[in-house]
Amino acid sequence: MARFLNLVGTAALAATLVACGNESMSGETGRKNGAAPATSATEVPEGAIAVGDDIYMVPIAKDDAGCMMYRMFSPTKAVVQAIHYRTADDRFVMDQDEAACSE
């Protein structure tokens, strides 16, 4: 029985991932979530800020507190996939309390 439930759970997760993938990769030109449109793996996204050797911070959108959120991007390196915020001294941090937000 446990194996059956595991298979059912795996199938449900796979179906969810496929459905999410179809929505986000549908080729639509409109943006549903405020994120920058998809680019190729080697193309630096529009508005990206260089922060290192082939490492960029890409603006996503402002959160409810008015803080600009960023994601890390690199066409050649593995990078952390987390929300980052910009501080008053132009550092990027993951702690929103350190961010310089405009209301």
PDB file of N, CA and C in Angstrom:
ATOM      1  N   MET A   1       0.817  -1.189   0.000  1.00  0.00           N
ATOM      2  CA  MET A   1       0.000   0.000   0.000  1.00  0.00           C
ATOM      3  C   MET A   1       0.865   1.259   0.000  1.00  0.00           C
ATOM      4  N   ALA A   2       1.946   1.242   0.790  1.00  0.00           N
ATOM      5  CA  ALA A   2       2.823   2.417   0.865  1.00  0.00           C
ATOM      6  C   ALA A   2       3.453   2.696  -0.496  1.00  0.00           C
ATOM      7  N   ARG A   3       3.818   1.637  -1.204  1.00  0.00           N
ATOM      8  CA  ARG A   3       4.420   1.822  -2.535  1.00  0.00           C
ATOM      9  C   ARG A   3       3.406   2.436  -3.495  1.00  0.00           C
ATOM     10  N   PHE A   4       2.151   1.978  -3.405  1.00  0.00           N
ATOM     11  CA  PHE A   4       1.095   2.533  -4.254  1.00  0.00           C
ATOM     12  C   PHE A   4       0.916   4.025  -3.972  1.00  0.00           C
ATOM     13  N   LEU A   5       0.864   4.408  -2.696  1.00  0.00           N
ATOM     14  CA  LEU A   5       0.695   5.809  -2.334  1.00  0.00           C
ATOM     15  C   LEU A   5       1.887   6.644  -2.806  1.00  0.00           C
ATOM     16  N   ASN A   6       3.084   6.069  -2.735  1.00  0.00           N
ATOM     17  CA  ASN A   6       4.278   6.765  -3.220  1.00  0.00           C
ATOM     18  C   ASN A   6       4.172   7.001  -4.728  1.00  0.00           C
ATOM     19  N   LEU A   7       3.709   6.016  -5.469  1.00  0.00           N
ATOM     20  CA  LEU A   7       3.543   6.158  -6.918  1.00  0.00           C
ATOM     21  C   LEU A   7       2.490   7.207  -7.246  1.00  0.00           C
ATOM     22  N   VAL A   8       1.402   7.206  -6.496  1.00  0.00           N
ATOM     23  CA  VAL A   8       0.336   8.197  -6.714  1.00  0.00           C
ATOM     24  C   VAL A   8       0.875   9.597  -6.439  1.00  0.00           C
ATOM     25  N   GLY A   9       1.616   9.755  -5.358  1.00  0.00           N
ATOM     26  CA  GLY A   9       2.199  11.053  -5.024  1.00  0.00           C
ATOM     27  C   GLY A   9       3.181  11.517  -6.077  1.00  0.00           C
ATOM     28  N   THR A  10       4.011  10.600  -6.575  1.00  0.00           N
ATOM     29  CA  THR A  10       4.977  10.933  -7.615  1.00  0.00           C
ATOM     30  C   THR A  10       4.270  11.351  -8.895  1.00  0.00           C
ATOM     31  N   ALA A  11       3.213  10.647  -9.250  1.00  0.00           N
ATOM     32  CA  ALA A  11       2.451  10.983 -10.458  1.00  0.00           C
ATOM     33  C   ALA A  11       1.790  12.348 -10.320  1.00  0.00           C
ATOM     34  N   ALA A  12       1.261  12.646  -9.147  1.00  0.00           N
ATOM     35  CA  ALA A  12       0.626  13.947  -8.930  1.00  0.00           C
ATOM     36  C   ALA A  12       1.644  15.067  -9.030  1.00  0.00           C
ATOM     37  N   LEU A  13       2.834  14.872  -8.450  1.00  0.00           N
ATOM     38  CA  LEU A  13       3.883  15.873  -8.527  1.00  0.00           C
ATOM     39  C   LEU A  13       4.323  16.075  -9.976  1.00  0.00           C
ATOM     40  N   ALA A  14       4.499  15.003 -10.702  1.00  0.00           N
ATOM     41  CA  ALA A  14       4.904  15.110 -12.107  1.00  0.00           C
ATOM     42  C   ALA A  14       3.861  15.864 -12.925  1.00  0.00           C
ATOM     43  N   ALA A  15       2.591  15.574 -12.685  1.00  0.00           N
ATOM     44  CA  ALA A  15       1.520  16.258 -13.415  1.00  0.00           C
ATOM     45  C   ALA A  15       1.516  17.749 -13.087  1.00  0.00           C
ATOM     46  N   THR A  16       1.758  18.087 -11.830  1.00  0.00           N
ATOM     47  CA  THR A  16       1.810  19.495 -11.428  1.00  0.00           C
ATOM     48  C   THR A  16       2.972  20.197 -12.099  1.00  0.00           C
ATOM     49  N   LEU A  17       4.130  19.580 -12.100  1.00  0.00           N
ATOM     50  CA  LEU A  17       5.305  20.186 -12.728  1.00  0.00           C
ATOM     51  C   LEU A  17       5.106  20.373 -14.222  1.00  0.00           C
ATOM     52  N   VAL A  18       4.492  19.410 -14.872  1.00  0.00           N
ATOM     53  CA  VAL A  18       4.229  19.534 -16.303  1.00  0.00           C
ATOM     54  C   VAL A  18       3.267  20.685 -16.550  1.00  0.00           C
ATOM     55  N   ALA A  19       2.232  20.790 -15.742  1.00  0.00           N
ATOM     56  CA  ALA A  19       1.264  21.872 -15.919  1.00  0.00           C
ATOM     57  C   ALA A  19       1.919  23.230 -15.703  1.00  0.00           C
ATOM     58  N   CYS A  20       2.752  23.352 -14.690  1.00  0.00           N
ATOM     59  CA  CYS A  20       3.454  24.613 -14.441  1.00  0.00           C
ATOM     60  C   CYS A  20       4.412  24.930 -15.577  1.00  0.00           C
ATOM     61  N   GLY A  21       5.095  23.927 -16.054  1.00  0.00           N
ATOM     62  CA  GLY A  21       6.028  24.123 -17.155  1.00  0.00           C
ATOM     63  C   GLY A  21       5.328  24.573 -18.415  1.00  0.00           C
ATOM     64  N   ASN A  22       4.167  24.021 -18.687  1.00  0.00           N
ATOM     65  CA  ASN A  22       3.433  24.403 -19.886  1.00  0.00           C
ATOM     66  C   ASN A  22       2.991  25.853 -19.812  1.00  0.00           C
ATOM     67  N   GLU A  23       2.590  26.310 -18.633  1.00  0.00           N
ATOM     68  CA  GLU A  23       2.145  27.693 -18.485  1.00  0.00           C
ATOM     69  C   GLU A  23       3.308  28.658 -18.631  1.00  0.00           C
ATOM     70  N   SER A  24       4.430  28.357 -17.979  1.00  0.00           N
ATOM     71  CA  SER A  24       5.545  29.297 -17.988  1.00  0.00           C
ATOM     72  C   SER A  24       6.370  29.228 -19.265  1.00  0.00           C
ATOM     73  N   MET A  25       6.268  28.170 -20.020  1.00  0.00           N
ATOM     74  CA  MET A  25       7.066  28.025 -21.222  1.00  0.00           C
ATOM     75  C   MET A  25       6.194  28.048 -22.469  1.00  0.00           C
ATOM     76  N   SER A  26       5.039  28.697 -22.375  1.00  0.00           N
ATOM     77  CA  SER A  26       4.074  28.636 -23.460  1.00  0.00           C
ATOM     78  C   SER A  26       4.434  29.513 -24.642  1.00  0.00           C
ATOM     79  N   GLY A  27       5.473  30.340 -24.501  1.00  0.00           N
ATOM     80  CA  GLY A  27       5.868  31.204 -25.593  1.00  0.00           C
ATOM     81  C   GLY A  27       5.084  32.490 -25.656  1.00  0.00           C
ATOM     82  N   GLU A  28       4.264  32.775 -24.646  1.00  0.00           N
ATOM     83  CA  GLU A  28       3.503  34.016 -24.631  1.00  0.00           C
ATOM     84  C   GLU A  28       4.462  35.185 -24.471  1.00  0.00           C
ATOM     85  N   THR A  29       4.135  36.290 -25.095  1.00  0.00           N
ATOM     86  CA  THR A  29       4.997  37.459 -24.979  1.00  0.00           C
ATOM     87  C   THR A  29       4.644  38.296 -23.771  1.00  0.00           C
ATOM     88  N   GLY A  30       3.453  38.166 -23.239  1.00  0.00           N
ATOM     89  CA  GLY A  30       3.054  38.930 -22.060  1.00  0.00           C
ATOM     90  C   GLY A  30       3.700  38.364 -20.805  1.00  0.00           C
ATOM     91  N   ARG A  31       3.848  39.223 -19.792  1.00  0.00           N
ATOM     92  CA  ARG A  31       4.420  38.780 -18.533  1.00  0.00           C
ATOM     93  C   ARG A  31       3.323  38.712 -17.496  1.00  0.00           C
ATOM     94  N   LYS A  32       3.170  37.571 -16.854  1.00  0.00           N
ATOM     95  CA  LYS A  32       2.136  37.388 -15.855  1.00  0.00           C
ATOM     96  C   LYS A  32       2.603  37.764 -14.462  1.00  0.00           C
ATOM     97  N   ASN A  33       3.904  37.629 -14.180  1.00  0.00           N
ATOM     98  CA  ASN A  33       4.383  37.812 -12.820  1.00  0.00           C
ATOM     99  C   ASN A  33       5.336  38.985 -12.655  1.00  0.00           C
ATOM    100  N   GLY A  34       5.477  39.832 -13.656  1.00  0.00           N
ATOM    101  CA  GLY A  34       6.358  40.983 -13.542  1.00  0.00           C
ATOM    102  C   GLY A  34       7.807  40.666 -13.830  1.00  0.00           C
ATOM    103  N   ALA A  35       8.146  39.407 -14.021  1.00  0.00           N
ATOM    104  CA  ALA A  35       9.529  39.024 -14.280  1.00  0.00           C
ATOM    105  C   ALA A  35       9.916  39.395 -15.701  1.00  0.00           C
ATOM    106  N   ALA A  36      11.207  39.574 -15.902  1.00  0.00           N
ATOM    107  CA  ALA A  36      11.706  39.880 -17.233  1.00  0.00           C
ATOM    108  C   ALA A  36      11.408  38.720 -18.165  1.00  0.00           C
ATOM    109  N   PRO A  37      11.176  38.995 -19.439  1.00  0.00           N
ATOM    110  CA  PRO A  37      10.902  37.905 -20.371  1.00  0.00           C
ATOM    111  C   PRO A  37      12.097  36.950 -20.455  1.00  0.00           C
ATOM    112  N   ALA A  38      11.807  35.717 -20.766  1.00  0.00           N
ATOM    113  CA  ALA A  38      12.856  34.700 -20.852  1.00  0.00           C
ATOM    114  C   ALA A  38      13.862  35.056 -21.944  1.00  0.00           C
ATOM    115  N   THR A  39      15.119  34.761 -21.656  1.00  0.00           N
ATOM    116  CA  THR A  39      16.179  34.970 -22.632  1.00  0.00           C
ATOM    117  C   THR A  39      16.907  33.649 -22.806  1.00  0.00           C
ATOM    118  N   SER A  40      17.787  33.590 -23.785  1.00  0.00           N
ATOM    119  CA  SER A  40      18.562  32.374 -23.964  1.00  0.00           C
ATOM    120  C   SER A  40      19.533  32.232 -22.804  1.00  0.00           C
ATOM    121  N   ALA A  41      20.076  31.055 -22.625  1.00  0.00           N
ATOM    122  CA  ALA A  41      20.963  30.784 -21.501  1.00  0.00           C
ATOM    123  C   ALA A  41      22.247  31.614 -21.553  1.00  0.00           C
ATOM    124  N   THR A  42      22.621  32.117 -22.712  1.00  0.00           N
ATOM    125  CA  THR A  42      23.858  32.885 -22.820  1.00  0.00           C
ATOM    126  C   THR A  42      23.626  34.383 -22.961  1.00  0.00           C
ATOM    127  N   GLU A  43      22.385  34.808 -23.128  1.00  0.00           N
ATOM    128  CA  GLU A  43      22.064  36.211 -23.300  1.00  0.00           C
ATOM    129  C   GLU A  43      21.816  36.872 -21.948  1.00  0.00           C
ATOM    130  N   VAL A  44      22.527  37.964 -21.674  1.00  0.00           N
ATOM    131  CA  VAL A  44      22.349  38.681 -20.415  1.00  0.00           C
ATOM    132  C   VAL A  44      21.006  39.412 -20.464  1.00  0.00           C
ATOM    133  N   PRO A  45      20.145  39.208 -19.466  1.00  0.00           N
ATOM    134  CA  PRO A  45      18.820  39.838 -19.475  1.00  0.00           C
ATOM    135  C   PRO A  45      18.893  41.362 -19.428  1.00  0.00           C
ATOM    136  N   GLU A  46      17.885  41.993 -19.984  1.00  0.00           N
ATOM    137  CA  GLU A  46      17.784  43.447 -19.981  1.00  0.00           C
ATOM    138  C   GLU A  46      17.726  43.964 -18.545  1.00  0.00           C
ATOM    139  N   GLY A  47      18.459  45.021 -18.263  1.00  0.00           N
ATOM    140  CA  GLY A  47      18.461  45.627 -16.936  1.00  0.00           C
ATOM    141  C   GLY A  47      19.393  44.960 -15.942  1.00  0.00           C
ATOM    142  N   ALA A  48      20.133  43.945 -16.382  1.00  0.00           N
ATOM    143  CA  ALA A  48      21.036  43.222 -15.480  1.00  0.00           C
ATOM    144  C   ALA A  48      22.181  44.119 -15.017  1.00  0.00           C
ATOM    145  N   ILE A  49      22.586  43.942 -13.772  1.00  0.00           N
ATOM    146  CA  ILE A  49      23.674  44.711 -13.181  1.00  0.00           C
ATOM    147  C   ILE A  49      24.853  43.772 -12.959  1.00  0.00           C
ATOM    148  N   ALA A  50      26.000  44.080 -13.567  1.00  0.00           N
ATOM    149  CA  ALA A  50      27.193  43.249 -13.401  1.00  0.00           C
ATOM    150  C   ALA A  50      27.696  43.377 -11.969  1.00  0.00           C
ATOM    151  N   VAL A  51      27.919  42.239 -11.316  1.00  0.00           N
ATOM    152  CA  VAL A  51      28.426  42.238  -9.944  1.00  0.00           C
ATOM    153  C   VAL A  51      29.691  41.396  -9.790  1.00  0.00           C
ATOM    154  N   GLY A  52      30.099  40.745 -10.844  1.00  0.00           N
ATOM    155  CA  GLY A  52      31.287  39.900 -10.799  1.00  0.00           C
ATOM    156  C   GLY A  52      31.615  39.407 -12.193  1.00  0.00           C
ATOM    157  N   ASP A  53      32.597  38.516 -12.259  1.00  0.00           N
ATOM    158  CA  ASP A  53      33.014  37.943 -13.529  1.00  0.00           C
ATOM    159  C   ASP A  53      31.904  37.043 -14.071  1.00  0.00           C
ATOM    160  N   ASP A  54      31.148  37.552 -15.047  1.00  0.00           N
ATOM    161  CA  ASP A  54      30.033  36.823 -15.659  1.00  0.00           C
ATOM    162  C   ASP A  54      28.904  36.529 -14.673  1.00  0.00           C
ATOM    163  N   ILE A  55      28.742  37.385 -13.669  1.00  0.00           N
ATOM    164  CA  ILE A  55      27.652  37.255 -12.698  1.00  0.00           C
ATOM    165  C   ILE A  55      26.882  38.573 -12.669  1.00  0.00           C
ATOM    166  N   TYR A  56      25.564  38.470 -12.738  1.00  0.00           N
ATOM    167  CA  TYR A  56      24.692  39.634 -12.828  1.00  0.00           C
ATOM    168  C   TYR A  56      23.545  39.508 -11.840  1.00  0.00           C
ATOM    169  N   MET A  57      23.007  40.661 -11.430  1.00  0.00           N
ATOM    170  CA  MET A  57      21.774  40.704 -10.647  1.00  0.00           C
ATOM    171  C   MET A  57      20.709  41.287 -11.573  1.00  0.00           C
ATOM    172  N   VAL A  58      19.609  40.569 -11.707  1.00  0.00           N
ATOM    173  CA  VAL A  58      18.539  40.954 -12.629  1.00  0.00           C
ATOM    174  C   VAL A  58      17.315  41.385 -11.834  1.00  0.00           C
ATOM    175  N   PRO A  59      16.815  42.617 -12.065  1.00  0.00           N
ATOM    176  CA  PRO A  59      15.617  43.042 -11.342  1.00  0.00           C
ATOM    177  C   PRO A  59      14.414  42.187 -11.728  1.00  0.00           C
ATOM    178  N   ILE A  60      13.624  41.824 -10.717  1.00  0.00           N
ATOM    179  CA  ILE A  60      12.431  41.008 -10.955  1.00  0.00           C
ATOM    180  C   ILE A  60      11.192  41.906 -10.893  1.00  0.00           C
ATOM    181  N   ALA A  61      10.934  42.440  -9.709  1.00  0.00           N
ATOM    182  CA  ALA A  61       9.766  43.296  -9.458  1.00  0.00           C
ATOM    183  C   ALA A  61       9.890  43.821  -8.037  1.00  0.00           C
ATOM    184  N   LYS A  62       9.024  44.771  -7.688  1.00  0.00           N
ATOM    185  CA  LYS A  62       8.996  45.257  -6.312  1.00  0.00           C
ATOM    186  C   LYS A  62       8.050  44.386  -5.492  1.00  0.00           C
ATOM    187  N   ASP A  63       8.436  44.150  -4.240  1.00  0.00           N
ATOM    188  CA  ASP A  63       7.566  43.384  -3.355  1.00  0.00           C
ATOM    189  C   ASP A  63       6.529  44.311  -2.718  1.00  0.00           C
ATOM    190  N   ASP A  64       5.721  43.793  -1.825  1.00  0.00           N
ATOM    191  CA  ASP A  64       4.645  44.576  -1.203  1.00  0.00           C
ATOM    192  C   ASP A  64       5.157  45.757  -0.384  1.00  0.00           C
ATOM    193  N   ALA A  65       6.401  45.681   0.079  1.00  0.00           N
ATOM    194  CA  ALA A  65       6.984  46.762   0.881  1.00  0.00           C
ATOM    195  C   ALA A  65       7.665  47.814   0.008  1.00  0.00           C
ATOM    196  N   GLY A  66       7.645  47.629  -1.307  1.00  0.00           N
ATOM    197  CA  GLY A  66       8.273  48.572  -2.221  1.00  0.00           C
ATOM    198  C   GLY A  66       9.736  48.303  -2.478  1.00  0.00           C
ATOM    199  N   CYS A  67      10.225  47.157  -2.052  1.00  0.00           N
ATOM    200  CA  CYS A  67      11.633  46.794  -2.253  1.00  0.00           C
ATOM    201  C   CYS A  67      11.810  46.086  -3.595  1.00  0.00           C
ATOM    202  N   MET A  68      12.771  46.547  -4.390  1.00  0.00           N
ATOM    203  CA  MET A  68      13.070  45.862  -5.645  1.00  0.00           C
ATOM    204  C   MET A  68      13.719  44.520  -5.324  1.00  0.00           C
ATOM    205  N   MET A  69      13.212  43.471  -5.932  1.00  0.00           N
ATOM    206  CA  MET A  69      13.770  42.130  -5.765  1.00  0.00           C
ATOM    207  C   MET A  69      14.632  41.819  -6.979  1.00  0.00           C
ATOM    208  N   TYR A  70      15.711  41.088  -6.748  1.00  0.00           N
ATOM    209  CA  TYR A  70      16.641  40.713  -7.811  1.00  0.00           C
ATOM    210  C   TYR A  70      16.878  39.217  -7.771  1.00  0.00           C
ATOM    211  N   ARG A  71      17.247  38.669  -8.922  1.00  0.00           N
ATOM    212  CA  ARG A  71      17.693  37.281  -9.003  1.00  0.00           C
ATOM    213  C   ARG A  71      19.087  37.286  -9.602  1.00  0.00           C
ATOM    214  N   MET A  72      19.892  36.320  -9.206  1.00  0.00           N
ATOM    215  CA  MET A  72      21.250  36.223  -9.730  1.00  0.00           C
ATOM    216  C   MET A  72      21.217  35.467 -11.061  1.00  0.00           C
ATOM    217  N   PHE A  73      22.091  35.852 -11.986  1.00  0.00           N
ATOM    218  CA  PHE A  73      22.153  35.234 -13.308  1.00  0.00           C
ATOM    219  C   PHE A  73      23.598  35.148 -13.758  1.00  0.00           C
ATOM    220  N   SER A  74      23.945  34.051 -14.405  1.00  0.00           N
ATOM    221  CA  SER A  74      25.230  33.918 -15.076  1.00  0.00           C
ATOM    222  C   SER A  74      25.057  32.992 -16.275  1.00  0.00           C
ATOM    223  N   PRO A  75      25.586  33.397 -17.428  1.00  0.00           N
ATOM    224  CA  PRO A  75      25.491  32.520 -18.590  1.00  0.00           C
ATOM    225  C   PRO A  75      26.497  31.369 -18.531  1.00  0.00           C
ATOM    226  N   THR A  76      27.469  31.421 -17.603  1.00  0.00           N
ATOM    227  CA  THR A  76      28.531  30.410 -17.586  1.00  0.00           C
ATOM    228  C   THR A  76      28.744  29.738 -16.243  1.00  0.00           C
ATOM    229  N   LYS A  77      28.129  30.230 -15.172  1.00  0.00           N
ATOM    230  CA  LYS A  77      28.389  29.705 -13.833  1.00  0.00           C
ATOM    231  C   LYS A  77      27.099  29.329 -13.127  1.00  0.00           C
ATOM    232  N   ALA A  78      27.218  28.419 -12.164  1.00  0.00           N
ATOM    233  CA  ALA A  78      26.081  28.092 -11.305  1.00  0.00           C
ATOM    234  C   ALA A  78      25.938  29.215 -10.284  1.00  0.00           C
ATOM    235  N   VAL A  79      24.713  29.669 -10.068  1.00  0.00           N
ATOM    236  CA  VAL A  79      24.464  30.762  -9.132  1.00  0.00           C
ATOM    237  C   VAL A  79      23.322  30.406  -8.192  1.00  0.00           C
ATOM    238  N   VAL A  80      23.265  31.082  -7.068  1.00  0.00           N
ATOM    239  CA  VAL A  80      22.214  30.882  -6.076  1.00  0.00           C
ATOM    240  C   VAL A  80      20.893  31.379  -6.643  1.00  0.00           C
ATOM    241  N   GLN A  81      19.860  30.557  -6.526  1.00  0.00           N
ATOM    242  CA  GLN A  81      18.526  30.968  -6.969  1.00  0.00           C
ATOM    243  C   GLN A  81      17.718  31.361  -5.748  1.00  0.00           C
ATOM    244  N   ALA A  82      17.811  32.633  -5.390  1.00  0.00           N
ATOM    245  CA  ALA A  82      17.109  33.186  -4.232  1.00  0.00           C
ATOM    246  C   ALA A  82      16.794  34.645  -4.518  1.00  0.00           C
ATOM    247  N   ILE A  83      15.874  35.196  -3.767  1.00  0.00           N
ATOM    248  CA  ILE A  83      15.549  36.615  -3.900  1.00  0.00           C
ATOM    249  C   ILE A  83      16.637  37.421  -3.191  1.00  0.00           C
ATOM    250  N   HIS A  84      17.136  38.441  -3.863  1.00  0.00           N
ATOM    251  CA  HIS A  84      18.135  39.344  -3.294  1.00  0.00           C
ATOM    252  C   HIS A  84      17.570  40.760  -3.290  1.00  0.00           C
ATOM    253  N   TYR A  85      18.097  41.588  -2.388  1.00  0.00           N
ATOM    254  CA  TYR A  85      17.722  42.997  -2.290  1.00  0.00           C
ATOM    255  C   TYR A  85      18.989  43.832  -2.354  1.00  0.00           C
ATOM    256  N   ARG A  86      18.867  45.084  -2.771  1.00  0.00           N
ATOM    257  CA  ARG A  86      20.007  45.984  -2.883  1.00  0.00           C
ATOM    258  C   ARG A  86      20.051  46.897  -1.657  1.00  0.00           C
ATOM    259  N   THR A  87      21.247  47.071  -1.098  1.00  0.00           N
ATOM    260  CA  THR A  87      21.421  47.942   0.063  1.00  0.00           C
ATOM    261  C   THR A  87      21.772  49.351  -0.399  1.00  0.00           C
ATOM    262  N   ALA A  88      21.802  50.296   0.548  1.00  0.00           N
ATOM    263  CA  ALA A  88      22.130  51.686   0.240  1.00  0.00           C
ATOM    264  C   ALA A  88      23.544  51.832  -0.306  1.00  0.00           C
ATOM    265  N   ASP A  89      24.444  50.917   0.091  1.00  0.00           N
ATOM    266  CA  ASP A  89      25.828  50.980  -0.411  1.00  0.00           C
ATOM    267  C   ASP A  89      26.060  50.040  -1.603  1.00  0.00           C
ATOM    268  N   ASP A  90      24.976  49.709  -2.308  1.00  0.00           N
ATOM    269  CA  ASP A  90      25.001  48.926  -3.550  1.00  0.00           C
ATOM    270  C   ASP A  90      25.482  47.484  -3.403  1.00  0.00           C
ATOM    271  N   ARG A  91      25.340  46.919  -2.208  1.00  0.00           N
ATOM    272  CA  ARG A  91      25.580  45.482  -2.052  1.00  0.00           C
ATOM    273  C   ARG A  91      24.244  44.766  -2.284  1.00  0.00           C
ATOM    274  N   PHE A  92      24.323  43.481  -2.576  1.00  0.00           N
ATOM    275  CA  PHE A  92      23.120  42.673  -2.724  1.00  0.00           C
ATOM    276  C   PHE A  92      23.076  41.669  -1.587  1.00  0.00           C
ATOM    277  N   VAL A  93      21.943  41.629  -0.894  1.00  0.00           N
ATOM    278  CA  VAL A  93      21.772  40.766   0.270  1.00  0.00           C
ATOM    279  C   VAL A  93      20.443  40.021   0.151  1.00  0.00           C
ATOM    280  N   MET A  94      20.314  38.941   0.920  1.00  0.00           N
ATOM    281  CA  MET A  94      19.065  38.190   0.919  1.00  0.00           C
ATOM    282  C   MET A  94      18.142  38.617   2.054  1.00  0.00           C
ATOM    283  N   ASP A  95      18.626  39.454   2.964  1.00  0.00           N
ATOM    284  CA  ASP A  95      17.842  39.932   4.096  1.00  0.00           C
ATOM    285  C   ASP A  95      17.155  41.240   3.734  1.00  0.00           C
ATOM    286  N   GLN A  96      15.837  41.213   3.630  1.00  0.00           N
ATOM    287  CA  GLN A  96      15.075  42.394   3.234  1.00  0.00           C
ATOM    288  C   GLN A  96      15.268  43.541   4.223  1.00  0.00           C
ATOM    289  N   ASP A  97      15.524  43.236   5.493  1.00  0.00           N
ATOM    290  CA  ASP A  97      15.712  44.288   6.502  1.00  0.00           C
ATOM    291  C   ASP A  97      16.929  45.163   6.212  1.00  0.00           C
ATOM    292  N   GLU A  98      17.893  44.640   5.446  1.00  0.00           N
ATOM    293  CA  GLU A  98      19.091  45.415   5.097  1.00  0.00           C
ATOM    294  C   GLU A  98      18.903  46.226   3.817  1.00  0.00           C
ATOM    295  N   ALA A  99      17.790  46.036   3.133  1.00  0.00           N
ATOM    296  CA  ALA A  99      17.568  46.657   1.831  1.00  0.00           C
ATOM    297  C   ALA A  99      17.244  48.141   1.949  1.00  0.00           C
ATOM    298  N   ALA A 100      17.629  48.870   0.921  1.00  0.00           N
ATOM    299  CA  ALA A 100      17.254  50.294   0.805  1.00  0.00           C
ATOM    300  C   ALA A 100      16.020  50.336  -0.084  1.00  0.00           C
ATOM    301  N   CYS A 101      14.864  50.398   0.549  1.00  0.00           N
ATOM    302  CA  CYS A 101      13.601  50.351  -0.203  1.00  0.00           C
ATOM    303  C   CYS A 101      13.023  51.746  -0.340  1.00  0.00           C
ATOM    304  N   SER A 102      12.444  51.991  -1.498  1.00  0.00           N
ATOM    305  CA  SER A 102      11.729  53.258  -1.711  1.00  0.00           C
ATOM    306  C   SER A 102      10.246  52.971  -1.584  1.00  0.00           C
ATOM    307  N   GLU A 103       9.604  53.697  -0.764  1.00  0.00           N
ATOM    308  CA  GLU A 103       8.162  53.499  -0.527  1.00  0.00           C
ATOM    309  C   GLU A 103       7.364  54.171  -1.602  1.00  0.00           C
TER     310      GLU A 103
END
